[in-house]
Amino acid sequence: MQSTDEERPESIAMGNNEQRIYMLTETGILVIFSTETLAIVYQRPFHRIGKEIIPFRRSEKIMLIFEQDVICIDSDPKRADYQTLPQYSTEFNKIFCVKLTFDEKKLAVGTITSSKPQIQIFTVDDRLQFYKNLRPSSDTIKFIDFSVDNDYMMTEDIKGNVNFFEMHTDRNIDEKAIDF
């Protein structure tokens, strides 16, 4: 593949070292550009429906979000081989939204299993490990966010219902009780 001119970008992100720009197309092609020359330094088709790129800020990794799986790539520009990191990759039935905490220790994935929407929480240390499930709504989750201290999670479903959770206790809390 020589050109991505005909591809529609689904997600664009800057790398943690500001030397690379990452683009994921809706057809699942990862394209990496140099910020110095804006030349393509790497591209790889994944043959999946692309949704989002999440660059890690504290390490040399990028997480690629597709419709049914999460794939993590080593993004160290010194190696420039962009190998898949299977210990940080996993599959889902269908992904609606994904959010990484600010401290990069937890990953929340809005998905659907057994025809019920849920949020699957994973710890992100030396690998992606399932931590717990939350079911904030009976409707599909369209948005997830965390407070900057990583103690609270906010979700919004497709009907506009907003829920807040205390991450340590899974307690659903009243939005009037916290300052974001």
C-alpha atoms as a PDB file:
ATOM      1  CA  MET A   1       0.000   0.000   0.000  1.00  0.00           C
ATOM      2  CA  GLN A   2       1.557   3.283  -1.067  1.00  0.00           C
ATOM      3  CA  SER A   3      -1.097   5.878  -0.383  1.00  0.00           C
ATOM      4  CA  THR A   4      -3.765   6.529   2.199  1.00  0.00           C
ATOM      5  CA  ASP A   5      -5.346   9.428   0.296  1.00  0.00           C
ATOM      6  CA  GLU A   6      -8.512   7.439  -0.369  1.00  0.00           C
ATOM      7  CA  GLU A   7      -8.791   6.254   3.253  1.00  0.00           C
ATOM      8  CA  ARG A   8     -10.983   8.104   5.742  1.00  0.00           C
ATOM      9  CA  PRO A   9      -9.291   8.709   9.130  1.00  0.00           C
ATOM     10  CA  GLU A  10     -11.327   7.432  12.060  1.00  0.00           C
ATOM     11  CA  SER A  11      -8.903   8.518  14.797  1.00  0.00           C
ATOM     12  CA  ILE A  12      -5.730  10.623  14.939  1.00  0.00           C
ATOM     13  CA  ALA A  13      -3.415  10.948  17.960  1.00  0.00           C
ATOM     14  CA  MET A  14       0.001  12.345  18.838  1.00  0.00           C
ATOM     15  CA  GLY A  15       2.573  10.041  20.384  1.00  0.00           C
ATOM     16  CA  ASN A  16       3.934  10.621  23.878  1.00  0.00           C
ATOM     17  CA  ASN A  17       7.312  11.751  22.569  1.00  0.00           C
ATOM     18  CA  GLU A  18       5.747  14.064  19.942  1.00  0.00           C
ATOM     19  CA  GLN A  19       7.862  12.458  17.202  1.00  0.00           C
ATOM     20  CA  ARG A  20       4.987  10.517  15.679  1.00  0.00           C
ATOM     21  CA  ILE A  21       1.413  11.121  14.570  1.00  0.00           C
ATOM     22  CA  TYR A  22      -0.790   8.016  14.571  1.00  0.00           C
ATOM     23  CA  MET A  23      -3.798   7.617  12.318  1.00  0.00           C
ATOM     24  CA  LEU A  24      -6.270   4.737  12.236  1.00  0.00           C
ATOM     25  CA  THR A  25      -8.595   4.606   9.240  1.00  0.00           C
ATOM     26  CA  GLU A  26     -12.153   3.332   9.317  1.00  0.00           C
ATOM     27  CA  THR A  27     -10.994   0.266   7.352  1.00  0.00           C
ATOM     28  CA  GLY A  28      -8.395  -0.545  10.027  1.00  0.00           C
ATOM     29  CA  ILE A  29      -5.174   0.730   8.481  1.00  0.00           C
ATOM     30  CA  LEU A  30      -2.644   2.073  10.981  1.00  0.00           C
ATOM     31  CA  VAL A  31      -0.508   4.862   9.487  1.00  0.00           C
ATOM     32  CA  ILE A  32       2.363   6.444  11.414  1.00  0.00           C
ATOM     33  CA  PHE A  33       3.811   9.784  10.316  1.00  0.00           C
ATOM     34  CA  SER A  34       7.007  11.543  11.367  1.00  0.00           C
ATOM     35  CA  THR A  35       6.264  14.970  12.866  1.00  0.00           C
ATOM     36  CA  GLU A  36       9.512  16.327  11.405  1.00  0.00           C
ATOM     37  CA  THR A  37       8.851  15.437   7.765  1.00  0.00           C
ATOM     38  CA  LEU A  38       5.159  14.408   7.780  1.00  0.00           C
ATOM     39  CA  ALA A  39       6.290  11.385   5.785  1.00  0.00           C
ATOM     40  CA  ILE A  40       4.745   7.975   6.393  1.00  0.00           C
ATOM     41  CA  VAL A  41       7.233   5.962   8.444  1.00  0.00           C
ATOM     42  CA  TYR A  42       5.044   2.877   8.920  1.00  0.00           C
ATOM     43  CA  GLN A  43       1.696   1.520   7.849  1.00  0.00           C
ATOM     44  CA  ARG A  44      -0.090  -1.731   8.481  1.00  0.00           C
ATOM     45  CA  PRO A  45      -3.546  -2.966   7.484  1.00  0.00           C
ATOM     46  CA  PHE A  46      -5.414  -4.784  10.245  1.00  0.00           C
ATOM     47  CA  HIS A  47      -8.468  -5.632   8.082  1.00  0.00           C
ATOM     48  CA  ARG A  48     -10.908  -4.625  10.835  1.00  0.00           C
ATOM     49  CA  ILE A  49     -13.274  -1.719  11.391  1.00  0.00           C
ATOM     50  CA  GLY A  50     -11.159   0.962  13.090  1.00  0.00           C
ATOM     51  CA  LYS A  51     -12.599   3.045  15.927  1.00  0.00           C
ATOM     52  CA  GLU A  52      -9.935   4.819  17.981  1.00  0.00           C
ATOM     53  CA  ILE A  53      -6.247   5.178  18.881  1.00  0.00           C
ATOM     54  CA  ILE A  54      -5.189   5.634  22.504  1.00  0.00           C
ATOM     55  CA  PRO A  55      -1.516   6.546  22.928  1.00  0.00           C
ATOM     56  CA  PHE A  56       0.028   5.800  26.313  1.00  0.00           C
ATOM     57  CA  ARG A  57       1.712   8.848  27.833  1.00  0.00           C
ATOM     58  CA  ARG A  58       3.927   7.030  30.327  1.00  0.00           C
ATOM     59  CA  SER A  59       5.256   4.278  28.067  1.00  0.00           C
ATOM     60  CA  GLU A  60       5.972   3.559  24.419  1.00  0.00           C
ATOM     61  CA  LYS A  61       2.665   1.875  23.529  1.00  0.00           C
ATOM     62  CA  ILE A  62      -0.403   2.704  21.479  1.00  0.00           C
ATOM     63  CA  MET A  63      -3.729   0.944  21.831  1.00  0.00           C
ATOM     64  CA  LEU A  64      -5.766   0.399  18.682  1.00  0.00           C
ATOM     65  CA  ILE A  65      -9.494   0.035  19.206  1.00  0.00           C
ATOM     66  CA  PHE A  66     -11.451  -1.897  16.607  1.00  0.00           C
ATOM     67  CA  GLU A  67     -15.090  -2.952  16.521  1.00  0.00           C
ATOM     68  CA  GLN A  68     -14.412  -6.283  18.229  1.00  0.00           C
ATOM     69  CA  ASP A  69     -10.927  -6.147  19.681  1.00  0.00           C
ATOM     70  CA  VAL A  70      -8.204  -4.100  21.285  1.00  0.00           C
ATOM     71  CA  ILE A  71      -4.666  -4.446  19.970  1.00  0.00           C
ATOM     72  CA  CYS A  72      -1.665  -2.857  21.632  1.00  0.00           C
ATOM     73  CA  ILE A  73       1.443  -1.954  19.640  1.00  0.00           C
ATOM     74  CA  ASP A  74       4.998  -1.208  20.814  1.00  0.00           C
ATOM     75  CA  SER A  75       5.537   2.358  19.572  1.00  0.00           C
ATOM     76  CA  ASP A  76       9.139   2.904  20.616  1.00  0.00           C
ATOM     77  CA  PRO A  77      10.630   4.984  17.752  1.00  0.00           C
ATOM     78  CA  LYS A  78      14.111   3.592  18.488  1.00  0.00           C
ATOM     79  CA  ARG A  79      12.980   0.103  17.496  1.00  0.00           C
ATOM     80  CA  ALA A  80      10.458   1.229  14.867  1.00  0.00           C
ATOM     81  CA  ASP A  81       9.238  -2.347  14.309  1.00  0.00           C
ATOM     82  CA  TYR A  82       5.823  -1.665  15.889  1.00  0.00           C
ATOM     83  CA  GLN A  83       5.285  -5.196  17.119  1.00  0.00           C
ATOM     84  CA  THR A  84       1.927  -6.313  18.487  1.00  0.00           C
ATOM     85  CA  LEU A  85       1.962  -6.803  22.268  1.00  0.00           C
ATOM     86  CA  PRO A  86      -0.364  -9.806  22.799  1.00  0.00           C
ATOM     87  CA  GLN A  87      -0.336  -9.406  26.602  1.00  0.00           C
ATOM     88  CA  TYR A  88      -2.188  -6.084  26.145  1.00  0.00           C
ATOM     89  CA  SER A  89      -4.624  -7.285  23.472  1.00  0.00           C
ATOM     90  CA  THR A  90      -8.052  -8.896  23.836  1.00  0.00           C
ATOM     91  CA  GLU A  91     -11.297  -9.606  21.926  1.00  0.00           C
ATOM     92  CA  PHE A  92     -14.897  -8.549  22.575  1.00  0.00           C
ATOM     93  CA  ASN A  93     -18.336  -9.196  21.118  1.00  0.00           C
ATOM     94  CA  LYS A  94     -18.795  -5.521  20.170  1.00  0.00           C
ATOM     95  CA  ILE A  95     -17.013  -2.399  21.444  1.00  0.00           C
ATOM     96  CA  PHE A  96     -18.873   0.899  21.748  1.00  0.00           C
ATOM     97  CA  CYS A  97     -16.355   3.040  23.640  1.00  0.00           C
ATOM     98  CA  VAL A  98     -13.028   2.742  25.460  1.00  0.00           C
ATOM     99  CA  LYS A  99     -11.255   4.942  27.996  1.00  0.00           C
ATOM    100  CA  LEU A 100      -7.874   4.660  29.710  1.00  0.00           C
ATOM    101  CA  THR A 101      -7.470   6.219  33.167  1.00  0.00           C
ATOM    102  CA  PHE A 102      -5.119   9.183  33.486  1.00  0.00           C
ATOM    103  CA  ASP A 103      -2.599   7.112  35.444  1.00  0.00           C
ATOM    104  CA  GLU A 104      -2.859   4.401  32.739  1.00  0.00           C
ATOM    105  CA  LYS A 105      -3.574   1.694  35.308  1.00  0.00           C
ATOM    106  CA  LYS A 106      -7.144   0.816  34.255  1.00  0.00           C
ATOM    107  CA  LEU A 107      -8.946   0.453  30.941  1.00  0.00           C
ATOM    108  CA  ALA A 108     -12.743   0.664  30.683  1.00  0.00           C
ATOM    109  CA  VAL A 109     -14.422  -0.940  27.666  1.00  0.00           C
ATOM    110  CA  GLY A 110     -18.099  -0.314  26.920  1.00  0.00           C
ATOM    111  CA  THR A 111     -19.253  -3.531  25.289  1.00  0.00           C
ATOM    112  CA  ILE A 112     -22.189  -5.873  24.973  1.00  0.00           C
ATOM    113  CA  THR A 113     -22.222  -9.502  26.098  1.00  0.00           C
ATOM    114  CA  SER A 114     -25.191 -11.832  26.267  1.00  0.00           C
ATOM    115  CA  SER A 115     -27.263  -8.982  24.789  1.00  0.00           C
ATOM    116  CA  LYS A 116     -26.635  -6.838  27.894  1.00  0.00           C
ATOM    117  CA  PRO A 117     -24.522  -3.684  27.798  1.00  0.00           C
ATOM    118  CA  GLN A 118     -21.733  -3.531  30.336  1.00  0.00           C
ATOM    119  CA  ILE A 119     -18.428  -1.919  31.085  1.00  0.00           C
ATOM    120  CA  GLN A 120     -15.529  -4.283  31.495  1.00  0.00           C
ATOM    121  CA  ILE A 121     -12.680  -2.878  33.565  1.00  0.00           C
ATOM    122  CA  PHE A 122      -9.142  -4.171  33.058  1.00  0.00           C
ATOM    123  CA  THR A 123      -5.949  -3.468  34.953  1.00  0.00           C
ATOM    124  CA  VAL A 124      -3.073  -2.358  32.752  1.00  0.00           C
ATOM    125  CA  ASP A 125       0.222  -3.276  34.374  1.00  0.00           C
ATOM    126  CA  ASP A 126       2.531  -5.752  32.715  1.00  0.00           C
ATOM    127  CA  ARG A 127      -0.497  -7.090  30.806  1.00  0.00           C
ATOM    128  CA  LEU A 128      -4.218  -6.476  30.304  1.00  0.00           C
ATOM    129  CA  GLN A 129      -6.060  -8.371  33.042  1.00  0.00           C
ATOM    130  CA  PHE A 130      -9.805  -8.499  33.660  1.00  0.00           C
ATOM    131  CA  TYR A 131     -10.701  -6.679  36.888  1.00  0.00           C
ATOM    132  CA  LYS A 132     -14.512  -6.322  37.094  1.00  0.00           C
ATOM    133  CA  ASN A 133     -17.809  -5.712  35.287  1.00  0.00           C
ATOM    134  CA  LEU A 134     -20.141  -2.778  35.790  1.00  0.00           C
ATOM    135  CA  ARG A 135     -23.677  -2.549  34.432  1.00  0.00           C
ATOM    136  CA  PRO A 136     -24.596   1.140  34.687  1.00  0.00           C
ATOM    137  CA  SER A 137     -27.532   0.986  32.288  1.00  0.00           C
ATOM    138  CA  SER A 138     -29.779  -1.314  30.334  1.00  0.00           C
ATOM    139  CA  ASP A 139     -28.924   0.729  27.221  1.00  0.00           C
ATOM    140  CA  THR A 140     -25.741   0.802  25.166  1.00  0.00           C
ATOM    141  CA  ILE A 141     -22.948   2.899  26.701  1.00  0.00           C
ATOM    142  CA  LYS A 142     -21.767   5.606  24.307  1.00  0.00           C
ATOM    143  CA  PHE A 143     -19.323   7.519  26.519  1.00  0.00           C
ATOM    144  CA  ILE A 144     -16.935   6.750  29.399  1.00  0.00           C
ATOM    145  CA  ASP A 145     -14.678   9.145  31.258  1.00  0.00           C
ATOM    146  CA  PHE A 146     -12.628   9.176  34.452  1.00  0.00           C
ATOM    147  CA  SER A 147     -11.950  11.915  36.972  1.00  0.00           C
ATOM    148  CA  VAL A 148      -8.367  13.195  36.908  1.00  0.00           C
ATOM    149  CA  ASP A 149      -7.646  11.436  40.220  1.00  0.00           C
ATOM    150  CA  ASN A 150      -8.937   8.153  38.695  1.00  0.00           C
ATOM    151  CA  ASP A 151     -11.321   7.641  41.631  1.00  0.00           C
ATOM    152  CA  TYR A 152     -14.572   8.163  39.705  1.00  0.00           C
ATOM    153  CA  MET A 153     -15.960   7.000  36.392  1.00  0.00           C
ATOM    154  CA  MET A 154     -18.761   8.677  34.451  1.00  0.00           C
ATOM    155  CA  THR A 155     -20.830   6.910  31.810  1.00  0.00           C
ATOM    156  CA  GLU A 156     -23.509   8.055  29.407  1.00  0.00           C
ATOM    157  CA  ASP A 157     -25.857   5.737  27.547  1.00  0.00           C
ATOM    158  CA  ILE A 158     -27.547   6.272  24.179  1.00  0.00           C
ATOM    159  CA  LYS A 159     -30.628   7.745  25.893  1.00  0.00           C
ATOM    160  CA  GLY A 160     -28.531  10.416  27.628  1.00  0.00           C
ATOM    161  CA  ASN A 161     -28.661   8.890  31.113  1.00  0.00           C
ATOM    162  CA  VAL A 162     -25.488   9.725  33.059  1.00  0.00           C
ATOM    163  CA  ASN A 163     -24.121   7.572  35.879  1.00  0.00           C
ATOM    164  CA  PHE A 164     -21.179   8.111  38.229  1.00  0.00           C
ATOM    165  CA  PHE A 165     -19.264   5.326  39.948  1.00  0.00           C
ATOM    166  CA  GLU A 166     -16.732   5.306  42.707  1.00  0.00           C
ATOM    167  CA  MET A 167     -14.047   3.051  41.253  1.00  0.00           C
ATOM    168  CA  HIS A 168     -12.865   1.499  44.541  1.00  0.00           C
ATOM    169  CA  THR A 169     -16.328   0.453  45.734  1.00  0.00           C
ATOM    170  CA  ASP A 170     -18.369   0.204  42.459  1.00  0.00           C
ATOM    171  CA  ARG A 171     -20.910   2.381  44.228  1.00  0.00           C
ATOM    172  CA  ASN A 172     -23.256   4.321  41.942  1.00  0.00           C
ATOM    173  CA  ILE A 173     -23.168   7.852  43.327  1.00  0.00           C
ATOM    174  CA  ASP A 174     -25.264  10.975  42.927  1.00  0.00           C
ATOM    175  CA  GLU A 175     -23.659  13.456  40.522  1.00  0.00           C
ATOM    176  CA  LYS A 176     -24.318  16.293  42.976  1.00  0.00           C
ATOM    177  CA  ALA A 177     -21.954  14.681  45.492  1.00  0.00           C
ATOM    178  CA  ILE A 178     -18.684  15.133  43.561  1.00  0.00           C
ATOM    179  CA  ASP A 179     -16.704  17.928  41.959  1.00  0.00           C
ATOM    180  CA  PHE A 180     -15.297  17.162  38.544  1.00  0.00           C
END
